[in-house]
Amino acid sequence: MSTRPFWLSGAAATGDSEITVTHPYDGRVVATVSVPSAGQIEEAVAAADAAAREAAALPAHTRAEALAHVSRRLAERTEEIAGIITAESGKPIKWARAEVGRSVSVFRWAAEETRRDSGELQRLDTDPGGTGRIAMVRRVPKGPVLGISPFNFPLNLVAHKIAPAIAVGAPIVLKPAPATPMTALALGELLAETELPPGMVSVLPMPNERAASLITDPRLPVVSFTGGQFGWELQRLAPHKHVTLELGGNAAAVVLGDADLDWAARRIALFGNNAAGQVCIGVQRVIVEDAVYDEFVTRLVRNVRELPTGDPSDPDTEVGPLINEEAAIRVVDWVQEAVEAGAELLTGGERDGVTVAPTVLAGAPAGSKVLCEEVFGPVLVVQRVSGVDQAFAEVNASDFGLQAGVFTRDLQVAFRAHRELEVGGVVIGDVPSYRADQMPYGGVKRSGVGREGVRSAMDDLSYERVMVMTGVRL
């Protein structure tokens, strides 16, 4: 098996060590990936720094065409890249294909935003002191970006780092998760086909501990991180940098008495467990109004038990393995801890190697890890509430605040949810797991700071620069 190169300033390179990538489901080796040396990491950062001025001055059409090229090539290679996602992450193939489709859209959106990113003109003669003056406002990049991406979306979350950076004209050094580097390297190959200048993009797989120098390097003034609670430590290590953090959560779905219970049960069952629950906005807490609690829970458990679980290469599989056995053991330990504390196990709770059976718990006591922390596994925790007031209070009781879903037909309740729920996004009539890649996406509290979504990320990676012109007759 040949060792796969990484991408150093847009060119293939090999380093001084390797990462072995194994299939989470069966443990077989699927690839070895070259890891850059300390000198090569320095070379990538120096190249990004040296390219910053050229990258910022790239014509819009050059940036847009590079992004459009990647979008087209991803679409052409969907099956191949979906297979890579499944092989290294264990994500069921149907969800891997969906991830490629979303990434196609991310690069297309970025290309479109690049072409229409024209800034604005402001007339300043609205007051006497501004007579004869006009302002032009444009956005310019804050500087080269360090992107750090997680294992659970090894393509789409990399796309959300790279595409906005290219769109604003910022070089980026991307460090993919060490468990899932191959998909990011495939994307690096497509980027190498474009006319982007050297130094614009580097994709550097490495163990997490090797990234310390990147985090603190002043030549990378912007850090975009998606992952666990280590993000707060990253912010502490780089206090003078602009840091965006997407750190997950324990998303809640509220089911009220007027909801379509069949729809809610199907959606919550699926999106609490698909990809083995390893989704930042996957449903974890299910908050159900007392009037429909018993009827809804019966339907939910039935739908969970019917989810196809097992081999991720099977096109019918919805729930595959966790990323490794350590993660699977932790999830089951948290379930057992809740049961021993008084929770009722309605279904699931078993582990077969790296696969955890889709699980539903009820009556988990306050303070249980399955309620308070991010399980990041196929576990749903059902809570009974008296009505809307208590339901929204339970949503807000979390230390996290990424997204929430509210199943209701009441327009007033929908607007109240948007007004009161302490989260970055509220989805009415569906699970909190819904995300359109062009909309602002991010959280509050322990869920992080800043926003993804193509336009929002472009704004986050750039700042407004104003030019005032004097002596202009309008």
Protein backbone atom coordinates (compact mmCIF):
# COMPACT_ATOMS: atom_id res chain seq x y z
CA MET A 1 0.00 0.00 0.00
CA SER A 2 1.55 3.29 -1.10
CA THR A 3 1.70 6.26 1.27
CA ARG A 4 -0.56 9.14 0.32
CA PRO A 5 1.11 12.55 0.09
CA PHE A 6 -0.18 15.70 1.70
CA TRP A 7 -0.56 19.09 0.00
CA LEU A 8 2.11 21.67 0.74
CA SER A 9 1.40 25.05 -0.88
CA GLY A 10 -0.69 23.34 -3.53
CA ALA A 11 1.88 20.63 -4.41
CA ALA A 12 2.03 16.99 -3.34
CA ALA A 13 4.71 16.26 -0.73
CA THR A 14 5.80 13.53 1.66
CA GLY A 15 7.18 13.99 5.14
CA ASP A 16 9.07 12.18 7.87
CA SER A 17 6.35 9.98 9.39
CA GLU A 18 2.97 8.42 8.66
CA ILE A 19 -0.58 8.10 9.98
CA THR A 20 -2.27 4.73 9.53
CA VAL A 21 -5.96 5.11 8.74
CA THR A 22 -8.21 2.20 9.71
CA HIS A 23 -11.86 1.48 8.94
CA PRO A 24 -13.83 2.03 12.16
CA TYR A 25 -16.26 -0.79 11.38
CA ASP A 26 -13.88 -3.70 10.83
CA GLY A 27 -10.47 -2.30 11.78
CA ARG A 28 -8.81 -2.97 8.44
CA VAL A 29 -6.10 -0.61 7.25
CA VAL A 30 -7.42 1.53 4.42
CA ALA A 31 -4.44 3.88 3.89
CA THR A 32 -1.23 5.28 5.18
CA VAL A 33 -0.90 9.05 4.99
CA SER A 34 2.33 11.02 5.07
CA VAL A 35 2.83 13.53 7.88
CA PRO A 36 4.84 16.72 7.32
CA SER A 37 8.06 17.33 9.19
CA ALA A 38 8.51 20.37 11.43
CA GLY A 39 10.41 22.01 8.58
CA GLN A 40 7.58 21.37 6.13
CA ILE A 41 5.01 22.79 8.56
CA GLU A 42 7.15 25.91 8.78
CA GLU A 43 7.36 26.00 4.98
CA ALA A 44 3.56 25.88 4.68
CA VAL A 45 3.08 28.71 7.16
CA ALA A 46 5.79 30.83 5.53
CA ALA A 47 4.19 30.24 2.12
CA ALA A 48 0.76 31.27 3.39
CA ASP A 49 2.26 34.40 4.93
CA ALA A 50 4.16 35.24 1.74
CA ALA A 51 1.04 34.69 -0.41
CA ALA A 52 -1.27 36.85 1.71
CA ARG A 53 -0.91 40.03 -0.33
CA GLU A 54 -1.25 38.25 -3.68
CA ALA A 55 -4.23 36.24 -2.43
CA ALA A 56 -6.05 39.36 -1.24
CA ALA A 57 -5.51 40.99 -4.65
CA LEU A 58 -6.75 38.02 -6.70
CA PRO A 59 -9.51 39.06 -9.13
CA ALA A 60 -12.96 37.89 -8.12
CA HIS A 61 -13.25 35.77 -11.25
CA THR A 62 -10.07 33.83 -10.37
CA ARG A 63 -11.30 32.99 -6.89
CA ALA A 64 -14.82 32.24 -8.10
CA GLU A 65 -13.69 29.95 -10.90
CA ALA A 66 -11.42 27.99 -8.56
CA LEU A 67 -14.34 27.45 -6.20
CA ALA A 68 -16.71 26.53 -9.03
CA HIS A 69 -14.13 24.06 -10.38
CA VAL A 70 -13.96 22.27 -7.03
CA SER A 71 -17.77 22.16 -6.87
CA ARG A 72 -17.97 20.56 -10.32
CA ARG A 73 -15.20 18.06 -9.64
CA LEU A 74 -16.74 17.00 -6.33
CA ALA A 75 -19.99 16.30 -8.14
CA GLU A 76 -18.16 14.26 -10.78
CA ARG A 77 -16.33 12.19 -8.15
CA THR A 78 -19.22 11.75 -5.70
CA GLU A 79 -19.06 7.97 -5.47
CA GLU A 80 -15.30 7.85 -5.07
CA ILE A 81 -15.18 10.50 -2.37
CA ALA A 82 -18.23 9.13 -0.56
CA GLY A 83 -16.42 5.80 -0.43
CA ILE A 84 -13.39 7.50 1.15
CA ILE A 85 -15.62 9.15 3.77
CA THR A 86 -17.16 5.81 4.69
CA ALA A 87 -13.82 4.01 4.74
CA GLU A 88 -12.13 6.40 7.15
CA SER A 89 -15.03 7.60 9.32
CA GLY A 90 -17.47 4.68 9.27
CA LYS A 91 -20.27 6.99 8.16
CA PRO A 92 -22.99 5.01 6.34
CA ILE A 93 -22.59 5.35 2.60
CA LYS A 94 -25.99 7.00 2.11
CA TRP A 95 -24.97 9.78 4.52
CA ALA A 96 -21.50 10.01 2.97
CA ARG A 97 -23.10 10.67 -0.41
CA ALA A 98 -25.28 13.34 1.18
CA GLU A 99 -22.17 14.94 2.66
CA VAL A 100 -20.54 15.16 -0.76
CA GLY A 101 -23.70 16.76 -2.11
CA ARG A 102 -23.65 19.37 0.62
CA SER A 103 -19.99 20.16 -0.09
CA VAL A 104 -20.78 20.61 -3.78
CA SER A 105 -23.25 23.28 -2.66
CA VAL A 106 -20.78 24.92 -0.25
CA PHE A 107 -18.22 25.52 -3.00
CA ARG A 108 -20.93 26.65 -5.42
CA TRP A 109 -22.30 29.11 -2.86
CA ALA A 110 -18.80 30.41 -2.18
CA ALA A 111 -18.23 30.97 -5.90
CA GLU A 112 -21.49 32.87 -6.19
CA GLU A 113 -20.82 34.97 -3.09
CA THR A 114 -17.37 35.84 -4.43
CA ARG A 115 -18.83 37.24 -7.64
CA ARG A 116 -21.40 39.41 -5.87
CA ASP A 117 -19.13 40.60 -3.04
CA SER A 118 -18.94 44.17 -4.31
CA GLY A 119 -18.98 46.16 -1.08
CA GLU A 120 -21.21 49.20 -0.81
CA LEU A 121 -21.29 52.93 -1.35
CA GLN A 122 -22.60 55.26 1.36
CA ARG A 123 -23.43 58.88 0.69
CA LEU A 124 -22.24 60.98 3.59
CA ASP A 125 -24.05 64.23 2.81
CA THR A 126 -26.93 63.17 5.02
CA ASP A 127 -25.51 65.77 7.45
CA PRO A 128 -24.01 69.14 6.50
CA GLY A 129 -20.51 68.09 7.56
CA GLY A 130 -20.55 65.34 4.95
CA THR A 131 -21.38 67.51 1.97
CA GLY A 132 -19.28 66.50 -1.01
CA ARG A 133 -18.25 63.21 0.57
CA ILE A 134 -18.99 59.59 -0.25
CA ALA A 135 -17.72 56.39 1.40
CA MET A 136 -16.82 53.13 -0.25
CA VAL A 137 -16.90 50.14 2.12
CA ARG A 138 -15.27 46.87 1.16
CA ARG A 139 -14.19 43.79 3.08
CA VAL A 140 -10.56 42.65 3.15
CA PRO A 141 -9.14 39.45 4.65
CA LYS A 142 -7.82 39.51 8.22
CA GLY A 143 -4.91 37.35 7.10
CA PRO A 144 -3.94 33.70 6.63
CA VAL A 145 -6.20 31.18 8.33
CA LEU A 146 -5.52 28.07 10.36
CA GLY A 147 -8.44 25.68 9.86
CA ILE A 148 -8.85 22.72 12.21
CA SER A 149 -11.57 20.23 11.31
CA PRO A 150 -13.08 17.19 13.10
CA PHE A 151 -13.62 13.59 12.05
CA ASN A 152 -17.41 13.47 11.86
CA PHE A 153 -17.80 15.49 8.63
CA PRO A 154 -14.39 15.00 7.02
CA LEU A 155 -15.43 16.73 3.78
CA ASN A 156 -18.17 19.23 4.52
CA LEU A 157 -16.57 20.78 7.58
CA VAL A 158 -13.30 21.06 5.66
CA ALA A 159 -15.28 22.75 2.88
CA HIS A 160 -16.63 25.24 5.42
CA LYS A 161 -13.04 26.16 6.33
CA ILE A 162 -11.49 26.31 2.87
CA ALA A 163 -14.25 27.71 0.63
CA PRO A 164 -14.89 30.95 2.58
CA ALA A 165 -11.14 31.55 2.94
CA ILE A 166 -10.62 31.34 -0.82
CA ALA A 167 -13.72 33.46 -1.38
CA VAL A 168 -12.31 36.37 0.63
CA GLY A 169 -8.75 35.92 -0.65
CA ALA A 170 -7.15 34.48 2.49
CA PRO A 171 -4.52 31.68 2.37
CA ILE A 172 -5.40 28.73 4.58
CA VAL A 173 -3.44 25.98 6.30
CA LEU A 174 -5.85 23.12 7.00
CA LYS A 175 -5.23 20.50 9.68
CA PRO A 176 -7.76 17.68 9.29
CA ALA A 177 -8.60 15.26 12.10
CA PRO A 178 -5.87 12.59 12.33
CA ALA A 179 -8.50 9.83 12.18
CA THR A 180 -9.92 11.08 8.86
CA PRO A 181 -7.27 12.82 6.72
CA MET A 182 -7.95 11.12 3.38
CA THR A 183 -11.07 13.07 2.42
CA ALA A 184 -9.34 16.40 3.03
CA LEU A 185 -6.41 15.20 0.91
CA ALA A 186 -8.81 14.30 -1.91
CA LEU A 187 -10.14 17.85 -1.71
CA GLY A 188 -6.57 19.15 -1.78
CA GLU A 189 -6.07 17.29 -5.04
CA LEU A 190 -9.03 19.13 -6.61
CA LEU A 191 -7.73 22.47 -5.37
CA ALA A 192 -4.34 21.71 -6.92
CA GLU A 193 -6.08 21.58 -10.31
CA THR A 194 -7.05 25.26 -10.06
CA GLU A 195 -5.15 28.46 -10.90
CA LEU A 196 -4.80 29.51 -7.28
CA PRO A 197 -1.30 30.74 -6.45
CA PRO A 198 1.20 28.64 -4.46
CA GLY A 199 0.79 29.15 -0.74
CA MET A 200 -2.97 29.62 -1.00
CA VAL A 201 -3.87 26.18 0.38
CA SER A 202 -1.95 23.57 2.36
CA VAL A 203 -3.54 20.40 3.76
CA LEU A 204 -1.36 19.00 6.54
CA PRO A 205 -2.40 15.79 8.31
CA MET A 206 -0.70 15.41 11.68
CA PRO A 207 -1.26 14.19 15.23
CA ASN A 208 -3.02 16.82 17.30
CA GLU A 209 0.02 17.50 19.47
CA ARG A 210 2.01 18.67 16.43
CA ALA A 211 -0.46 21.51 15.85
CA ALA A 212 0.67 23.51 18.87
CA SER A 213 3.09 25.62 16.85
CA LEU A 214 0.37 26.40 14.30
CA ILE A 215 -2.04 27.57 16.99
CA THR A 216 0.39 30.10 18.41
CA ASP A 217 2.13 31.20 15.17
CA PRO A 218 1.45 34.94 14.66
CA ARG A 219 1.59 34.51 10.88
CA LEU A 220 -1.78 32.72 11.11
CA PRO A 221 -3.84 35.48 12.77
CA VAL A 222 -7.18 33.72 12.24
CA VAL A 223 -8.14 30.31 13.66
CA SER A 224 -11.31 28.47 12.65
CA PHE A 225 -11.86 25.41 14.84
CA THR A 226 -14.63 22.82 14.84
CA GLY A 227 -14.43 20.12 17.48
CA GLY A 228 -14.70 19.48 21.20
CA GLN A 229 -14.28 21.61 24.27
CA PHE A 230 -10.52 21.88 23.65
CA GLY A 231 -11.51 24.89 21.59
CA TRP A 232 -11.61 27.01 24.73
CA GLU A 233 -8.02 26.02 25.50
CA LEU A 234 -7.11 26.98 21.94
CA GLN A 235 -8.61 30.41 22.53
CA ARG A 236 -6.55 30.73 25.72
CA LEU A 237 -3.37 29.76 23.87
CA ALA A 238 -3.96 32.38 21.16
CA PRO A 239 -5.59 35.32 22.98
CA HIS A 240 -4.60 37.90 20.37
CA LYS A 241 -5.95 35.96 17.39
CA HIS A 242 -9.38 36.05 15.85
CA VAL A 243 -10.79 32.65 16.86
CA THR A 244 -14.02 31.05 15.67
CA LEU A 245 -15.17 28.00 17.65
CA GLU A 246 -17.93 25.51 16.82
CA LEU A 247 -17.91 23.14 19.78
CA GLY A 248 -21.07 21.05 19.58
CA GLY A 249 -23.85 20.62 22.11
CA ASN A 250 -26.65 18.42 23.44
CA ALA A 251 -29.39 19.61 21.13
CA ALA A 252 -33.01 19.48 22.25
CA ALA A 253 -36.13 18.66 20.27
CA VAL A 254 -39.36 19.90 21.86
CA VAL A 255 -42.57 18.00 21.03
CA LEU A 256 -45.71 19.93 21.96
CA GLY A 257 -49.30 18.75 22.11
CA ASP A 258 -50.24 20.08 18.69
CA ALA A 259 -47.34 18.38 16.87
CA ASP A 260 -47.62 15.75 14.14
CA LEU A 261 -46.44 12.88 16.35
CA ASP A 262 -45.66 10.43 13.55
CA TRP A 263 -43.46 12.98 11.76
CA ALA A 264 -41.76 14.03 14.98
CA ALA A 265 -41.09 10.44 16.05
CA ARG A 266 -39.59 9.51 12.67
CA ARG A 267 -37.40 12.57 12.45
CA ILE A 268 -36.14 12.44 16.03
CA ALA A 269 -35.43 8.71 15.83
CA LEU A 270 -33.42 9.16 12.65
CA PHE A 271 -31.53 12.33 13.52
CA GLY A 272 -30.68 11.22 17.02
CA ASN A 273 -28.95 8.16 15.62
CA ASN A 274 -27.82 8.62 12.02
CA ALA A 275 -24.03 8.49 11.68
CA ALA A 276 -24.10 6.86 15.13
CA GLY A 277 -25.15 10.14 16.71
CA GLN A 278 -21.79 11.75 15.92
CA VAL A 279 -23.35 15.00 14.74
CA CYS A 280 -22.95 18.32 16.58
CA ILE A 281 -26.65 19.13 16.15
CA GLY A 282 -27.89 15.55 16.39
CA VAL A 283 -30.91 15.23 18.70
CA GLN A 284 -29.96 14.24 22.24
CA ARG A 285 -32.63 15.65 24.58
CA VAL A 286 -36.29 15.00 23.67
CA ILE A 287 -38.60 17.26 25.66
CA VAL A 288 -42.24 16.15 25.37
CA GLU A 289 -45.43 17.79 26.63
CA ASP A 290 -47.25 15.62 29.15
CA ALA A 291 -50.51 15.51 27.15
CA VAL A 292 -48.86 13.49 24.35
CA TYR A 293 -45.88 11.98 26.21
CA ASP A 294 -46.99 8.34 26.40
CA GLU A 295 -48.30 8.20 22.84
CA PHE A 296 -45.21 9.92 21.45
CA VAL A 297 -42.66 7.81 23.34
CA THR A 298 -44.32 4.61 22.10
CA ARG A 299 -43.92 5.82 18.51
CA LEU A 300 -40.38 7.06 19.10
CA VAL A 301 -39.17 3.74 20.53
CA ARG A 302 -40.77 1.83 17.66
CA ASN A 303 -39.03 4.03 15.09
CA VAL A 304 -35.68 3.75 16.86
CA ARG A 305 -35.88 -0.05 16.95
CA GLU A 306 -36.57 -0.12 13.21
CA LEU A 307 -33.42 1.82 12.24
CA PRO A 308 -31.08 -0.33 10.09
CA THR A 309 -27.82 -0.62 12.02
CA GLY A 310 -24.49 -2.18 11.09
CA ASP A 311 -22.22 -2.25 8.04
CA PRO A 312 -21.82 1.33 6.75
CA SER A 313 -21.18 0.10 3.21
CA ASP A 314 -24.76 -1.26 3.05
CA PRO A 315 -26.86 1.40 1.28
CA ASP A 316 -29.76 0.74 3.68
CA THR A 317 -27.75 1.30 6.86
CA GLU A 318 -28.69 4.41 8.84
CA VAL A 319 -26.61 3.81 11.99
CA GLY A 320 -23.00 2.74 11.60
CA PRO A 321 -20.09 2.45 14.02
CA LEU A 322 -18.61 5.09 16.25
CA ILE A 323 -15.19 6.40 15.28
CA ASN A 324 -13.38 3.93 17.58
CA GLU A 325 -13.99 1.46 20.38
CA GLU A 326 -12.97 3.95 23.04
CA ALA A 327 -15.83 6.22 21.99
CA ALA A 328 -18.29 3.31 21.95
CA ILE A 329 -17.25 2.21 25.45
CA ARG A 330 -17.67 5.75 26.77
CA VAL A 331 -21.19 6.06 25.35
CA VAL A 332 -22.33 2.78 26.90
CA ASP A 333 -20.71 3.72 30.21
CA TRP A 334 -22.68 6.98 30.26
CA VAL A 335 -25.91 5.06 29.54
CA GLN A 336 -25.21 2.57 32.33
CA GLU A 337 -24.35 5.38 34.72
CA ALA A 338 -27.73 7.02 34.00
CA VAL A 339 -29.60 3.72 34.48
CA GLU A 340 -27.86 3.09 37.79
CA ALA A 341 -28.91 6.59 38.86
CA GLY A 342 -32.57 5.85 38.11
CA ALA A 343 -33.12 6.31 34.35
CA GLU A 344 -35.31 3.80 32.51
CA LEU A 345 -33.75 2.07 29.48
CA LEU A 346 -36.53 1.85 26.89
CA THR A 347 -34.43 0.31 24.13
CA GLY A 348 -30.81 -0.21 23.12
CA GLY A 349 -27.85 0.30 25.40
CA GLU A 350 -25.82 -2.62 24.05
CA ARG A 351 -22.42 -2.47 22.39
CA ASP A 352 -20.97 -4.77 19.73
CA GLY A 353 -17.38 -3.66 19.29
CA VAL A 354 -17.55 -0.13 17.86
CA THR A 355 -21.31 -0.24 17.22
CA VAL A 356 -23.77 0.94 19.87
CA ALA A 357 -27.42 0.00 19.49
CA PRO A 358 -29.68 3.05 19.10
CA THR A 359 -30.75 3.89 22.63
CA VAL A 360 -33.68 5.65 24.33
CA LEU A 361 -33.63 6.60 28.00
CA ALA A 362 -36.42 8.12 30.08
CA GLY A 363 -36.34 9.77 33.47
CA ALA A 364 -32.62 10.44 33.57
CA PRO A 365 -31.93 12.39 36.76
CA ALA A 366 -30.71 15.96 36.65
CA GLY A 367 -26.95 16.04 36.48
CA SER A 368 -26.64 12.87 34.38
CA LYS A 369 -23.93 13.08 31.75
CA VAL A 370 -26.46 11.99 29.12
CA LEU A 371 -28.42 15.16 29.91
CA CYS A 372 -25.68 17.65 30.74
CA GLU A 373 -22.83 16.77 28.37
CA GLU A 374 -22.58 15.98 24.66
CA VAL A 375 -23.02 12.21 24.29
CA PHE A 376 -21.90 12.21 20.63
CA GLY A 377 -23.41 8.78 20.22
CA PRO A 378 -26.77 7.16 19.34
CA VAL A 379 -28.60 8.08 22.56
CA LEU A 380 -31.91 9.90 23.04
CA VAL A 381 -33.00 11.08 26.50
CA VAL A 382 -36.73 11.71 26.89
CA GLN A 383 -38.04 14.26 29.39
CA ARG A 384 -41.69 14.87 30.37
CA VAL A 385 -42.80 18.51 30.82
CA SER A 386 -46.10 20.16 31.71
CA GLY A 387 -46.19 22.64 28.84
CA VAL A 388 -44.39 25.28 26.81
CA ASP A 389 -43.02 27.20 29.80
CA GLN A 390 -41.29 24.18 31.29
CA ALA A 391 -40.19 22.90 27.87
CA PHE A 392 -38.37 26.11 26.99
CA ALA A 393 -36.88 26.31 30.48
CA GLU A 394 -35.44 22.79 30.00
CA VAL A 395 -33.93 23.73 26.64
CA ASN A 396 -32.25 26.75 28.22
CA ALA A 397 -31.05 24.79 31.28
CA SER A 398 -28.21 23.38 29.15
CA ASP A 399 -24.70 24.80 29.26
CA PHE A 400 -24.74 24.45 25.46
CA GLY A 401 -26.71 26.40 22.87
CA LEU A 402 -26.13 25.35 19.26
CA GLN A 403 -29.59 24.65 17.79
CA ALA A 404 -33.02 23.51 18.98
CA GLY A 405 -36.04 22.04 17.23
CA VAL A 406 -39.67 22.71 18.18
CA PHE A 407 -42.47 20.57 16.81
CA THR A 408 -45.54 22.80 16.88
CA ARG A 409 -48.15 24.22 14.52
CA ASP A 410 -48.72 27.33 16.65
CA LEU A 411 -47.24 30.43 15.00
CA GLN A 412 -47.15 32.35 18.26
CA VAL A 413 -45.22 29.55 19.96
CA ALA A 414 -42.82 29.45 17.02
CA PHE A 415 -42.01 33.16 17.38
CA ARG A 416 -41.77 32.76 21.16
CA ALA A 417 -39.24 29.96 20.66
CA HIS A 418 -37.15 32.19 18.42
CA ARG A 419 -37.38 34.97 20.98
CA GLU A 420 -36.63 32.95 24.14
CA LEU A 421 -34.48 29.93 23.33
CA GLU A 422 -30.79 30.55 24.05
CA VAL A 423 -29.37 28.91 20.94
CA GLY A 424 -27.81 29.91 17.65
CA GLY A 425 -30.68 28.50 15.58
CA VAL A 426 -34.29 27.41 16.10
CA VAL A 427 -35.93 24.97 13.67
CA ILE A 428 -39.73 24.93 13.77
CA GLY A 429 -41.51 21.74 12.75
CA ASP A 430 -38.34 19.67 12.50
CA VAL A 431 -35.27 18.46 14.35
CA PRO A 432 -32.41 20.76 15.40
CA SER A 433 -30.21 18.71 13.06
CA TYR A 434 -31.41 20.63 10.00
CA ARG A 435 -28.75 22.86 8.48
CA ALA A 436 -28.65 24.69 5.19
CA ASP A 437 -25.02 25.41 4.38
CA GLN A 438 -25.65 29.00 3.29
CA MET A 439 -27.37 30.07 6.52
CA PRO A 440 -25.55 31.36 9.62
CA TYR A 441 -24.58 28.43 11.83
CA GLY A 442 -23.05 28.51 15.28
CA GLY A 443 -23.88 28.61 18.94
CA VAL A 444 -23.74 30.36 22.28
CA LYS A 445 -22.57 29.39 25.75
CA ARG A 446 -20.30 26.29 25.63
CA SER A 447 -21.25 25.69 21.98
CA GLY A 448 -18.74 28.29 20.82
CA VAL A 449 -18.35 31.72 19.26
CA GLY A 450 -18.64 32.99 15.70
CA ARG A 451 -20.65 31.70 12.78
CA GLU A 452 -20.17 29.34 9.85
CA GLY A 453 -22.30 29.36 6.72
CA VAL A 454 -20.61 30.67 3.60
CA ARG A 455 -21.52 34.36 3.78
CA SER A 456 -21.24 34.49 7.57
CA ALA A 457 -17.84 32.82 7.48
CA MET A 458 -16.64 35.22 4.78
CA ASP A 459 -17.60 38.11 7.05
CA ASP A 460 -15.87 36.41 9.97
CA LEU A 461 -12.60 36.03 8.02
CA SER A 462 -12.55 39.64 6.85
CA TYR A 463 -13.01 43.18 8.14
CA GLU A 464 -14.58 46.33 6.74
CA ARG A 465 -12.22 48.91 5.28
CA VAL A 466 -13.65 52.33 4.48
CA MET A 467 -12.45 54.85 1.91
CA VAL A 468 -13.90 58.37 2.13
CA MET A 469 -13.76 60.45 -1.04
CA THR A 470 -13.89 64.21 -0.65
CA GLY A 471 -15.05 66.91 -3.05
CA VAL A 472 -17.52 64.67 -4.86
CA ARG A 473 -20.66 66.24 -6.32
CA LEU A 474 -23.52 63.76 -6.21
